[in-house]
Amino acid sequence: MTTVPTPLRDIAKVVRSKNAGPFEITLDIVFKTHEDFEAVKKSGVITKELVSELYNVPTQSIITFGFFDLVNAVKITLPRPRPQGGVGETDMHAAQQHVPLQEVCVPWAVS
């Protein structure tokens, strides 16, 4: 079997971002199968350090970062760069913040 760098958007069932209040954004990665979830988890690609780099947030400022085995999901909560609806804020619903995360490539086994 060979591994090929594959964007997370092609592996996960859902990669989304959403509003988590006026000061936070939540990112969710949900997998269709436990096998897909475990493969991504074991790859070691999705880390607090990666999220810190992608979203320009210090690792110690990441509010939630966890792999949730029972639901085959990763949940990440970050502080908003600007308060929701504040001056200069560009995505009130945080609906487009998942894009950098969905483009991350994971080594993926193909036959």
PDB file of N, CA and C in Angstrom:
ATOM      1  N   MET A   1       0.838  -1.182   0.000  1.00  0.00           N
ATOM      2  CA  MET A   1       0.000   0.000   0.000  1.00  0.00           C
ATOM      3  C   MET A   1       0.887   1.250   0.000  1.00  0.00           C
ATOM      4  N   THR A   2       0.428   2.267  -0.686  1.00  0.00           N
ATOM      5  CA  THR A   2       1.144   3.523  -0.806  1.00  0.00           C
ATOM      6  C   THR A   2       0.378   4.621  -0.079  1.00  0.00           C
ATOM      7  N   THR A   3       1.123   5.629   0.410  1.00  0.00           N
ATOM      8  CA  THR A   3       0.430   6.786   0.989  1.00  0.00           C
ATOM      9  C   THR A   3       0.590   7.983   0.067  1.00  0.00           C
ATOM     10  N   VAL A   4      -0.474   8.744  -0.005  1.00  0.00           N
ATOM     11  CA  VAL A   4      -0.522   9.929  -0.857  1.00  0.00           C
ATOM     12  C   VAL A   4      -0.992  11.105  -0.005  1.00  0.00           C
ATOM     13  N   PRO A   5      -0.329  12.279  -0.100  1.00  0.00           N
ATOM     14  CA  PRO A   5      -0.832  13.447   0.636  1.00  0.00           C
ATOM     15  C   PRO A   5      -2.234  13.804   0.139  1.00  0.00           C
ATOM     16  N   THR A   6      -3.196  13.771   1.053  1.00  0.00           N
ATOM     17  CA  THR A   6      -4.596  13.983   0.692  1.00  0.00           C
ATOM     18  C   THR A   6      -5.194  15.084   1.549  1.00  0.00           C
ATOM     19  N   PRO A   7      -5.853  16.078   0.945  1.00  0.00           N
ATOM     20  CA  PRO A   7      -6.466  17.147   1.731  1.00  0.00           C
ATOM     21  C   PRO A   7      -7.532  16.595   2.679  1.00  0.00           C
ATOM     22  N   LEU A   8      -7.574  17.157   3.856  1.00  0.00           N
ATOM     23  CA  LEU A   8      -8.536  16.744   4.872  1.00  0.00           C
ATOM     24  C   LEU A   8      -9.967  16.789   4.341  1.00  0.00           C
ATOM     25  N   ARG A   9     -10.275  17.738   3.460  1.00  0.00           N
ATOM     26  CA  ARG A   9     -11.618  17.859   2.893  1.00  0.00           C
ATOM     27  C   ARG A   9     -12.035  16.625   2.113  1.00  0.00           C
ATOM     28  N   ASP A  10     -11.058  15.858   1.622  1.00  0.00           N
ATOM     29  CA  ASP A  10     -11.364  14.635   0.864  1.00  0.00           C
ATOM     30  C   ASP A  10     -11.477  13.407   1.765  1.00  0.00           C
ATOM     31  N   ILE A  11     -11.103  13.539   3.026  1.00  0.00           N
ATOM     32  CA  ILE A  11     -11.128  12.415   3.966  1.00  0.00           C
ATOM     33  C   ILE A  11     -12.310  12.537   4.926  1.00  0.00           C
ATOM     34  N   ALA A  12     -12.481  13.721   5.476  1.00  0.00           N
ATOM     35  CA  ALA A  12     -13.520  13.944   6.488  1.00  0.00           C
ATOM     36  C   ALA A  12     -14.895  14.075   5.847  1.00  0.00           C
ATOM     37  N   LYS A  13     -15.905  13.679   6.582  1.00  0.00           N
ATOM     38  CA  LYS A  13     -17.291  13.870   6.149  1.00  0.00           C
ATOM     39  C   LYS A  13     -17.653  15.351   6.238  1.00  0.00           C
ATOM     40  N   VAL A  14     -17.185  16.004   7.312  1.00  0.00           N
ATOM     41  CA  VAL A  14     -17.483  17.419   7.549  1.00  0.00           C
ATOM     42  C   VAL A  14     -16.236  18.116   8.072  1.00  0.00           C
ATOM     43  N   VAL A  15     -15.915  19.256   7.475  1.00  0.00           N
ATOM     44  CA  VAL A  15     -14.939  20.186   8.046  1.00  0.00           C
ATOM     45  C   VAL A  15     -15.663  21.522   8.054  1.00  0.00           C
ATOM     46  N   ARG A  16     -15.903  22.057   9.246  1.00  0.00           N
ATOM     47  CA  ARG A  16     -16.696  23.289   9.310  1.00  0.00           C
ATOM     48  C   ARG A  16     -16.178  24.196  10.418  1.00  0.00           C
ATOM     49  N   SER A  17     -16.582  25.442  10.290  1.00  0.00           N
ATOM     50  CA  SER A  17     -16.341  26.415  11.346  1.00  0.00           C
ATOM     51  C   SER A  17     -17.682  27.054  11.662  1.00  0.00           C
ATOM     52  N   LYS A  18     -17.786  27.501  12.896  1.00  0.00           N
ATOM     53  CA  LYS A  18     -19.048  28.127  13.280  1.00  0.00           C
ATOM     54  C   LYS A  18     -18.820  29.088  14.432  1.00  0.00           C
ATOM     55  N   ASN A  19     -19.764  29.962  14.565  1.00  0.00           N
ATOM     56  CA  ASN A  19     -19.771  30.924  15.634  1.00  0.00           C
ATOM     57  C   ASN A  19     -19.914  30.198  16.972  1.00  0.00           C
ATOM     58  N   ALA A  20     -19.104  30.599  17.949  1.00  0.00           N
ATOM     59  CA  ALA A  20     -19.225  30.011  19.286  1.00  0.00           C
ATOM     60  C   ALA A  20     -19.366  31.130  20.311  1.00  0.00           C
ATOM     61  N   GLY A  21     -20.070  32.165  19.899  1.00  0.00           N
ATOM     62  CA  GLY A  21     -20.254  33.320  20.773  1.00  0.00           C
ATOM     63  C   GLY A  21     -19.490  34.508  20.242  1.00  0.00           C
ATOM     64  N   PRO A  22     -19.592  35.645  20.893  1.00  0.00           N
ATOM     65  CA  PRO A  22     -18.984  36.863  20.364  1.00  0.00           C
ATOM     66  C   PRO A  22     -17.457  36.879  20.394  1.00  0.00           C
ATOM     67  N   PHE A  23     -16.852  35.945  21.136  1.00  0.00           N
ATOM     68  CA  PHE A  23     -15.401  35.983  21.288  1.00  0.00           C
ATOM     69  C   PHE A  23     -14.701  34.691  20.877  1.00  0.00           C
ATOM     70  N   GLU A  24     -15.443  33.708  20.362  1.00  0.00           N
ATOM     71  CA  GLU A  24     -14.847  32.417  20.024  1.00  0.00           C
ATOM     72  C   GLU A  24     -15.381  31.866  18.707  1.00  0.00           C
ATOM     73  N   ILE A  25     -14.549  31.029  18.073  1.00  0.00           N
ATOM     74  CA  ILE A  25     -14.888  30.303  16.852  1.00  0.00           C
ATOM     75  C   ILE A  25     -14.607  28.833  17.110  1.00  0.00           C
ATOM     76  N   THR A  26     -15.493  27.954  16.661  1.00  0.00           N
ATOM     77  CA  THR A  26     -15.271  26.514  16.794  1.00  0.00           C
ATOM     78  C   THR A  26     -15.055  25.904  15.416  1.00  0.00           C
ATOM     79  N   LEU A  27     -14.079  25.021  15.349  1.00  0.00           N
ATOM     80  CA  LEU A  27     -13.796  24.243  14.146  1.00  0.00           C
ATOM     81  C   LEU A  27     -14.116  22.791  14.461  1.00  0.00           C
ATOM     82  N   ASP A  28     -14.827  22.124  13.566  1.00  0.00           N
ATOM     83  CA  ASP A  28     -15.164  20.714  13.740  1.00  0.00           C
ATOM     84  C   ASP A  28     -14.681  19.930  12.530  1.00  0.00           C
ATOM     85  N   ILE A  29     -14.102  18.762  12.808  1.00  0.00           N
ATOM     86  CA  ILE A  29     -13.766  17.799  11.766  1.00  0.00           C
ATOM     87  C   ILE A  29     -14.474  16.518  12.169  1.00  0.00           C
ATOM     88  N   VAL A  30     -15.379  16.052  11.324  1.00  0.00           N
ATOM     89  CA  VAL A  30     -16.163  14.855  11.635  1.00  0.00           C
ATOM     90  C   VAL A  30     -15.897  13.825  10.539  1.00  0.00           C
ATOM     91  N   PHE A  31     -15.656  12.587  10.969  1.00  0.00           N
ATOM     92  CA  PHE A  31     -15.345  11.507  10.037  1.00  0.00           C
ATOM     93  C   PHE A  31     -16.502  10.527   9.935  1.00  0.00           C
ATOM     94  N   LYS A  32     -16.672   9.959   8.754  1.00  0.00           N
ATOM     95  CA  LYS A  32     -17.758   9.012   8.515  1.00  0.00           C
ATOM     96  C   LYS A  32     -17.511   7.697   9.258  1.00  0.00           C
ATOM     97  N   THR A  33     -16.252   7.269   9.292  1.00  0.00           N
ATOM     98  CA  THR A  33     -15.944   5.999   9.945  1.00  0.00           C
ATOM     99  C   THR A  33     -14.897   6.182  11.036  1.00  0.00           C
ATOM    100  N   HIS A  34     -14.899   5.259  11.967  1.00  0.00           N
ATOM    101  CA  HIS A  34     -13.895   5.287  13.031  1.00  0.00           C
ATOM    102  C   HIS A  34     -12.503   5.018  12.445  1.00  0.00           C
ATOM    103  N   GLU A  35     -12.427   4.228  11.402  1.00  0.00           N
ATOM    104  CA  GLU A  35     -11.149   3.921  10.762  1.00  0.00           C
ATOM    105  C   GLU A  35     -10.519   5.187  10.165  1.00  0.00           C
ATOM    106  N   ASP A  36     -11.327   6.008   9.497  1.00  0.00           N
ATOM    107  CA  ASP A  36     -10.819   7.268   8.938  1.00  0.00           C
ATOM    108  C   ASP A  36     -10.350   8.188  10.062  1.00  0.00           C
ATOM    109  N   PHE A  37     -11.155   8.294  11.109  1.00  0.00           N
ATOM    110  CA  PHE A  37     -10.816   9.117  12.270  1.00  0.00           C
ATOM    111  C   PHE A  37      -9.482   8.667  12.868  1.00  0.00           C
ATOM    112  N   GLU A  38      -9.345   7.363  13.102  1.00  0.00           N
ATOM    113  CA  GLU A  38      -8.122   6.828  13.709  1.00  0.00           C
ATOM    114  C   GLU A  38      -6.906   7.049  12.812  1.00  0.00           C
ATOM    115  N   ALA A  39      -7.076   6.885  11.510  1.00  0.00           N
ATOM    116  CA  ALA A  39      -5.956   7.079  10.581  1.00  0.00           C
ATOM    117  C   ALA A  39      -5.447   8.514  10.628  1.00  0.00           C
ATOM    118  N   VAL A  40      -6.374   9.473  10.638  1.00  0.00           N
ATOM    119  CA  VAL A  40      -5.967  10.882  10.712  1.00  0.00           C
ATOM    120  C   VAL A  40      -5.347  11.182  12.076  1.00  0.00           C
ATOM    121  N   LYS A  41      -5.952  10.675  13.128  1.00  0.00           N
ATOM    122  CA  LYS A  41      -5.427  10.880  14.484  1.00  0.00           C
ATOM    123  C   LYS A  41      -4.005  10.330  14.596  1.00  0.00           C
ATOM    124  N   LYS A  42      -3.795   9.110  14.118  1.00  0.00           N
ATOM    125  CA  LYS A  42      -2.480   8.471  14.200  1.00  0.00           C
ATOM    126  C   LYS A  42      -1.440   9.114  13.294  1.00  0.00           C
ATOM    127  N   SER A  43      -1.894   9.831  12.271  1.00  0.00           N
ATOM    128  CA  SER A  43      -0.941  10.494  11.369  1.00  0.00           C
ATOM    129  C   SER A  43      -0.136  11.568  12.098  1.00  0.00           C
ATOM    130  N   GLY A  44      -0.724  12.128  13.159  1.00  0.00           N
ATOM    131  CA  GLY A  44      -0.032  13.172  13.914  1.00  0.00           C
ATOM    132  C   GLY A  44      -0.001  14.524  13.224  1.00  0.00           C
ATOM    133  N   VAL A  45      -0.748  14.669  12.154  1.00  0.00           N
ATOM    134  CA  VAL A  45      -0.747  15.925  11.403  1.00  0.00           C
ATOM    135  C   VAL A  45      -1.577  17.005  12.102  1.00  0.00           C
ATOM    136  N   ILE A  46      -2.729  16.626  12.642  1.00  0.00           N
ATOM    137  CA  ILE A  46      -3.625  17.603  13.273  1.00  0.00           C
ATOM    138  C   ILE A  46      -3.167  17.800  14.721  1.00  0.00           C
ATOM    139  N   THR A  47      -2.528  18.943  14.964  1.00  0.00           N
ATOM    140  CA  THR A  47      -1.976  19.249  16.284  1.00  0.00           C
ATOM    141  C   THR A  47      -2.315  20.683  16.676  1.00  0.00           C
ATOM    142  N   LYS A  48      -2.127  20.981  17.946  1.00  0.00           N
ATOM    143  CA  LYS A  48      -2.300  22.366  18.401  1.00  0.00           C
ATOM    144  C   LYS A  48      -1.323  23.290  17.679  1.00  0.00           C
ATOM    145  N   GLU A  49      -0.116  22.788  17.432  1.00  0.00           N
ATOM    146  CA  GLU A  49       0.897  23.595  16.749  1.00  0.00           C
ATOM    147  C   GLU A  49       0.470  23.939  15.328  1.00  0.00           C
ATOM    148  N   LEU A  50      -0.134  22.971  14.638  1.00  0.00           N
ATOM    149  CA  LEU A  50      -0.641  23.230  13.287  1.00  0.00           C
ATOM    150  C   LEU A  50      -1.737  24.286  13.326  1.00  0.00           C
ATOM    151  N   VAL A  51      -2.678  24.138  14.245  1.00  0.00           N
ATOM    152  CA  VAL A  51      -3.780  25.099  14.375  1.00  0.00           C
ATOM    153  C   VAL A  51      -3.227  26.481  14.702  1.00  0.00           C
ATOM    154  N   SER A  52      -2.241  26.534  15.577  1.00  0.00           N
ATOM    155  CA  SER A  52      -1.603  27.800  15.934  1.00  0.00           C
ATOM    156  C   SER A  52      -1.028  28.490  14.698  1.00  0.00           C
ATOM    157  N   GLU A  53      -0.364  27.705  13.869  1.00  0.00           N
ATOM    158  CA  GLU A  53       0.242  28.248  12.650  1.00  0.00           C
ATOM    159  C   GLU A  53      -0.819  28.682  11.631  1.00  0.00           C
ATOM    160  N   LEU A  54      -1.824  27.829  11.410  1.00  0.00           N
ATOM    161  CA  LEU A  54      -2.854  28.136  10.416  1.00  0.00           C
ATOM    162  C   LEU A  54      -3.660  29.376  10.768  1.00  0.00           C
ATOM    163  N   TYR A  55      -3.922  29.557  12.073  1.00  0.00           N
ATOM    164  CA  TYR A  55      -4.831  30.625  12.499  1.00  0.00           C
ATOM    165  C   TYR A  55      -4.130  31.755  13.248  1.00  0.00           C
ATOM    166  N   ASN A  56      -2.798  31.702  13.257  1.00  0.00           N
ATOM    167  CA  ASN A  56      -2.004  32.765  13.881  1.00  0.00           C
ATOM    168  C   ASN A  56      -2.467  33.034  15.321  1.00  0.00           C
ATOM    169  N   VAL A  57      -2.596  31.947  16.073  1.00  0.00           N
ATOM    170  CA  VAL A  57      -3.037  32.004  17.470  1.00  0.00           C
ATOM    171  C   VAL A  57      -1.986  31.252  18.294  1.00  0.00           C
ATOM    172  N   PRO A  58      -1.484  31.837  19.362  1.00  0.00           N
ATOM    173  CA  PRO A  58      -0.532  31.092  20.202  1.00  0.00           C
ATOM    174  C   PRO A  58      -1.175  29.805  20.733  1.00  0.00           C
ATOM    175  N   THR A  59      -0.405  28.737  20.828  1.00  0.00           N
ATOM    176  CA  THR A  59      -0.973  27.457  21.278  1.00  0.00           C
ATOM    177  C   THR A  59      -1.650  27.585  22.637  1.00  0.00           C
ATOM    178  N   GLN A  60      -1.096  28.397  23.515  1.00  0.00           N
ATOM    179  CA  GLN A  60      -1.695  28.553  24.846  1.00  0.00           C
ATOM    180  C   GLN A  60      -3.029  29.297  24.807  1.00  0.00           C
ATOM    181  N   SER A  61      -3.345  29.944  23.680  1.00  0.00           N
ATOM    182  CA  SER A  61      -4.627  30.644  23.547  1.00  0.00           C
ATOM    183  C   SER A  61      -5.729  29.763  22.966  1.00  0.00           C
ATOM    184  N   ILE A  62      -5.364  28.567  22.480  1.00  0.00           N
ATOM    185  CA  ILE A  62      -6.370  27.650  21.947  1.00  0.00           C
ATOM    186  C   ILE A  62      -7.217  27.171  23.120  1.00  0.00           C
ATOM    187  N   ILE A  63      -8.505  27.406  23.031  1.00  0.00           N
ATOM    188  CA  ILE A  63      -9.420  27.147  24.143  1.00  0.00           C
ATOM    189  C   ILE A  63      -9.733  25.658  24.273  1.00  0.00           C
ATOM    190  N   THR A  64     -10.056  25.013  23.166  1.00  0.00           N
ATOM    191  CA  THR A  64     -10.360  23.575  23.151  1.00  0.00           C
ATOM    192  C   THR A  64      -9.627  22.944  21.981  1.00  0.00           C
ATOM    193  N   PHE A  65      -9.013  21.803  22.232  1.00  0.00           N
ATOM    194  CA  PHE A  65      -8.414  20.993  21.170  1.00  0.00           C
ATOM    195  C   PHE A  65      -8.533  19.551  21.624  1.00  0.00           C
ATOM    196  N   GLY A  66      -9.337  18.775  20.914  1.00  0.00           N
ATOM    197  CA  GLY A  66      -9.492  17.393  21.348  1.00  0.00           C
ATOM    198  C   GLY A  66      -9.991  16.472  20.268  1.00  0.00           C
ATOM    199  N   PHE A  67      -9.548  15.218  20.386  1.00  0.00           N
ATOM    200  CA  PHE A  67     -10.038  14.138  19.548  1.00  0.00           C
ATOM    201  C   PHE A  67     -11.102  13.412  20.364  1.00  0.00           C
ATOM    202  N   PHE A  68     -12.301  13.294  19.827  1.00  0.00           N
ATOM    203  CA  PHE A  68     -13.421  12.690  20.535  1.00  0.00           C
ATOM    204  C   PHE A  68     -13.791  11.374  19.860  1.00  0.00           C
ATOM    205  N   ASP A  69     -13.253  10.277  20.427  1.00  0.00           N
ATOM    206  CA  ASP A  69     -13.384   8.946  19.826  1.00  0.00           C
ATOM    207  C   ASP A  69     -14.826   8.490  19.648  1.00  0.00           C
ATOM    208  N   LEU A  70     -15.682   8.781  20.606  1.00  0.00           N
ATOM    209  CA  LEU A  70     -17.061   8.286  20.534  1.00  0.00           C
ATOM    210  C   LEU A  70     -17.843   8.829  19.343  1.00  0.00           C
ATOM    211  N   VAL A  71     -17.442  10.008  18.855  1.00  0.00           N
ATOM    212  CA  VAL A  71     -18.175  10.608  17.738  1.00  0.00           C
ATOM    213  C   VAL A  71     -17.302  10.806  16.496  1.00  0.00           C
ATOM    214  N   ASN A  72     -16.113  10.213  16.504  1.00  0.00           N
ATOM    215  CA  ASN A  72     -15.190  10.298  15.358  1.00  0.00           C
ATOM    216  C   ASN A  72     -14.962  11.739  14.922  1.00  0.00           C
ATOM    217  N   ALA A  73     -14.625  12.581  15.886  1.00  0.00           N
ATOM    218  CA  ALA A  73     -14.520  14.007  15.572  1.00  0.00           C
ATOM    219  C   ALA A  73     -13.357  14.673  16.299  1.00  0.00           C
ATOM    220  N   VAL A  74     -12.936  15.789  15.714  1.00  0.00           N
ATOM    221  CA  VAL A  74     -11.957  16.687  16.332  1.00  0.00           C
ATOM    222  C   VAL A  74     -12.677  18.007  16.544  1.00  0.00           C
ATOM    223  N   LYS A  75     -12.521  18.583  17.717  1.00  0.00           N
ATOM    224  CA  LYS A  75     -13.155  19.871  18.021  1.00  0.00           C
ATOM    225  C   LYS A  75     -12.061  20.826  18.482  1.00  0.00           C
ATOM    226  N   ILE A  76     -12.098  22.021  17.898  1.00  0.00           N
ATOM    227  CA  ILE A  76     -11.114  23.054  18.213  1.00  0.00           C
ATOM    228  C   ILE A  76     -11.874  24.354  18.431  1.00  0.00           C
ATOM    229  N   THR A  77     -11.588  25.034  19.517  1.00  0.00           N
ATOM    230  CA  THR A  77     -12.190  26.343  19.764  1.00  0.00           C
ATOM    231  C   THR A  77     -11.074  27.357  19.928  1.00  0.00           C
ATOM    232  N   LEU A  78     -11.200  28.457  19.173  1.00  0.00           N
ATOM    233  CA  LEU A  78     -10.195  29.514  19.153  1.00  0.00           C
ATOM    234  C   LEU A  78     -10.814  30.841  19.561  1.00  0.00           C
ATOM    235  N   PRO A  79      -9.994  31.735  20.075  1.00  0.00           N
ATOM    236  CA  PRO A  79     -10.511  33.088  20.281  1.00  0.00           C
ATOM    237  C   PRO A  79     -10.667  33.774  18.921  1.00  0.00           C
ATOM    238  N   ARG A  80     -11.701  34.573  18.783  1.00  0.00           N
ATOM    239  CA  ARG A  80     -11.864  35.358  17.550  1.00  0.00           C
ATOM    240  C   ARG A  80     -10.778  36.431  17.504  1.00  0.00           C
ATOM    241  N   PRO A  81     -10.268  36.735  16.312  1.00  0.00           N
ATOM    242  CA  PRO A  81      -9.293  37.826  16.224  1.00  0.00           C
ATOM    243  C   PRO A  81      -9.899  39.175  16.590  1.00  0.00           C
ATOM    244  N   ARG A  82     -11.194  39.321  16.301  1.00  0.00           N
ATOM    245  CA  ARG A  82     -11.949  40.529  16.665  1.00  0.00           C
ATOM    246  C   ARG A  82     -13.313  40.081  17.163  1.00  0.00           C
ATOM    247  N   PRO A  83     -13.915  40.805  18.091  1.00  0.00           N
ATOM    248  CA  PRO A  83     -15.254  40.409  18.565  1.00  0.00           C
ATOM    249  C   PRO A  83     -16.266  40.343  17.418  1.00  0.00           C
ATOM    250  N   GLN A  84     -17.204  39.435  17.528  1.00  0.00           N
ATOM    251  CA  GLN A  84     -18.242  39.278  16.517  1.00  0.00           C
ATOM    252  C   GLN A  84     -18.982  40.595  16.323  1.00  0.00           C
ATOM    253  N   GLY A  85     -19.054  41.043  15.071  1.00  0.00           N
ATOM    254  CA  GLY A  85     -19.755  42.278  14.742  1.00  0.00           C
ATOM    255  C   GLY A  85     -18.961  43.535  15.038  1.00  0.00           C
ATOM    256  N   GLY A  86     -17.743  43.373  15.561  1.00  0.00           N
ATOM    257  CA  GLY A  86     -16.913  44.534  15.888  1.00  0.00           C
ATOM    258  C   GLY A  86     -16.315  45.157  14.641  1.00  0.00           C
ATOM    259  N   VAL A  87     -15.732  46.324  14.809  1.00  0.00           N
ATOM    260  CA  VAL A  87     -15.081  47.034  13.703  1.00  0.00           C
ATOM    261  C   VAL A  87     -13.967  46.167  13.127  1.00  0.00           C
ATOM    262  N   GLY A  88     -14.005  45.972  11.813  1.00  0.00           N
ATOM    263  CA  GLY A  88     -12.978  45.192  11.129  1.00  0.00           C
ATOM    264  C   GLY A  88     -13.235  43.694  11.099  1.00  0.00           C
ATOM    265  N   GLU A  89     -14.266  43.233  11.768  1.00  0.00           N
ATOM    266  CA  GLU A  89     -14.598  41.812  11.763  1.00  0.00           C
ATOM    267  C   GLU A  89     -15.195  41.469  10.397  1.00  0.00           C
ATOM    268  N   THR A  90     -14.759  40.361   9.792  1.00  0.00           N
ATOM    269  CA  THR A  90     -15.137  40.079   8.403  1.00  0.00           C
ATOM    270  C   THR A  90     -15.979  38.822   8.191  1.00  0.00           C
ATOM    271  N   ASP A  91     -16.247  38.070   9.243  1.00  0.00           N
ATOM    272  CA  ASP A  91     -17.009  36.834   9.083  1.00  0.00           C
ATOM    273  C   ASP A  91     -17.865  36.625  10.334  1.00  0.00           C
ATOM    274  N   MET A  92     -18.962  37.348  10.392  1.00  0.00           N
ATOM    275  CA  MET A  92     -19.808  37.387  11.583  1.00  0.00           C
ATOM    276  C   MET A  92     -20.232  36.001  12.074  1.00  0.00           C
ATOM    277  N   HIS A  93     -20.503  35.090  11.148  1.00  0.00           N
ATOM    278  CA  HIS A  93     -20.970  33.756  11.520  1.00  0.00           C
ATOM    279  C   HIS A  93     -19.840  32.734  11.587  1.00  0.00           C
ATOM    280  N   ALA A  94     -18.614  33.178  11.314  1.00  0.00           N
ATOM    281  CA  ALA A  94     -17.428  32.302  11.309  1.00  0.00           C
ATOM    282  C   ALA A  94     -17.598  31.129  10.353  1.00  0.00           C
ATOM    283  N   ALA A  95     -18.371  31.320   9.317  1.00  0.00           N
ATOM    284  CA  ALA A  95     -18.731  30.240   8.406  1.00  0.00           C
ATOM    285  C   ALA A  95     -17.639  29.883   7.403  1.00  0.00           C
ATOM    286  N   GLN A  96     -16.610  30.711   7.291  1.00  0.00           N
ATOM    287  CA  GLN A  96     -15.580  30.442   6.294  1.00  0.00           C
ATOM    288  C   GLN A  96     -14.200  30.218   6.899  1.00  0.00           C
ATOM    289  N   GLN A  97     -14.136  30.092   8.194  1.00  0.00           N
ATOM    290  CA  GLN A  97     -12.840  29.977   8.859  1.00  0.00           C
ATOM    291  C   GLN A  97     -12.228  28.582   8.774  1.00  0.00           C
ATOM    292  N   HIS A  98     -12.980  27.604   8.321  1.00  0.00           N
ATOM    293  CA  HIS A  98     -12.488  26.235   8.226  1.00  0.00           C
ATOM    294  C   HIS A  98     -11.590  25.989   7.019  1.00  0.00           C
ATOM    295  N   VAL A  99     -11.569  26.898   6.064  1.00  0.00           N
ATOM    296  CA  VAL A  99     -10.876  26.661   4.796  1.00  0.00           C
ATOM    297  C   VAL A  99      -9.396  26.310   4.982  1.00  0.00           C
ATOM    298  N   PRO A 100      -8.610  27.036   5.780  1.00  0.00           N
ATOM    299  CA  PRO A 100      -7.204  26.611   5.935  1.00  0.00           C
ATOM    300  C   PRO A 100      -7.070  25.186   6.473  1.00  0.00           C
ATOM    301  N   LEU A 101      -7.938  24.807   7.385  1.00  0.00           N
ATOM    302  CA  LEU A 101      -7.881  23.477   7.979  1.00  0.00           C
ATOM    303  C   LEU A 101      -8.248  22.392   6.970  1.00  0.00           C
ATOM    304  N   GLN A 102      -9.252  22.635   6.141  1.00  0.00           N
ATOM    305  CA  GLN A 102      -9.680  21.606   5.192  1.00  0.00           C
ATOM    306  C   GLN A 102      -8.645  21.338   4.110  1.00  0.00           C
ATOM    307  N   GLU A 103      -7.717  22.258   3.916  1.00  0.00           N
ATOM    308  CA  GLU A 103      -6.691  22.093   2.883  1.00  0.00           C
ATOM    309  C   GLU A 103      -5.429  21.397   3.392  1.00  0.00           C
ATOM    310  N   VAL A 104      -5.344  21.118   4.686  1.00  0.00           N
ATOM    311  CA  VAL A 104      -4.200  20.428   5.256  1.00  0.00           C
ATOM    312  C   VAL A 104      -4.125  19.020   4.665  1.00  0.00           C
ATOM    313  N   CYS A 105      -2.933  18.625   4.225  1.00  0.00           N
ATOM    314  CA  CYS A 105      -2.770  17.297   3.645  1.00  0.00           C
ATOM    315  C   CYS A 105      -2.323  16.290   4.697  1.00  0.00           C
ATOM    316  N   VAL A 106      -2.940  15.126   4.640  1.00  0.00           N
ATOM    317  CA  VAL A 106      -2.658  14.015   5.538  1.00  0.00           C
ATOM    318  C   VAL A 106      -2.150  12.856   4.694  1.00  0.00           C
ATOM    319  N   PRO A 107      -1.105  12.143   5.146  1.00  0.00           N
ATOM    320  CA  PRO A 107      -0.686  10.960   4.378  1.00  0.00           C
ATOM    321  C   PRO A 107      -1.809   9.926   4.407  1.00  0.00           C
ATOM    322  N   TRP A 108      -2.311   9.555   3.246  1.00  0.00           N
ATOM    323  CA  TRP A 108      -3.491   8.699   3.162  1.00  0.00           C
ATOM    324  C   TRP A 108      -3.162   7.445   2.356  1.00  0.00           C
ATOM    325  N   ALA A 109      -3.496   6.294   2.919  1.00  0.00           N
ATOM    326  CA  ALA A 109      -3.212   5.008   2.268  1.00  0.00           C
ATOM    327  C   ALA A 109      -4.150   4.778   1.083  1.00  0.00           C
ATOM    328  N   VAL A 110      -3.548   4.435  -0.038  1.00  0.00           N
ATOM    329  CA  VAL A 110      -4.321   4.075  -1.229  1.00  0.00           C
ATOM    330  C   VAL A 110      -3.793   2.739  -1.747  1.00  0.00           C
ATOM    331  N   SER A 111      -4.679   1.979  -2.351  1.00  0.00           N
ATOM    332  CA  SER A 111      -4.234   0.677  -2.872  1.00  0.00           C
ATOM    333  C   SER A 111      -4.165   0.678  -4.383  1.00  0.00           C
TER     334      SER A 111
END
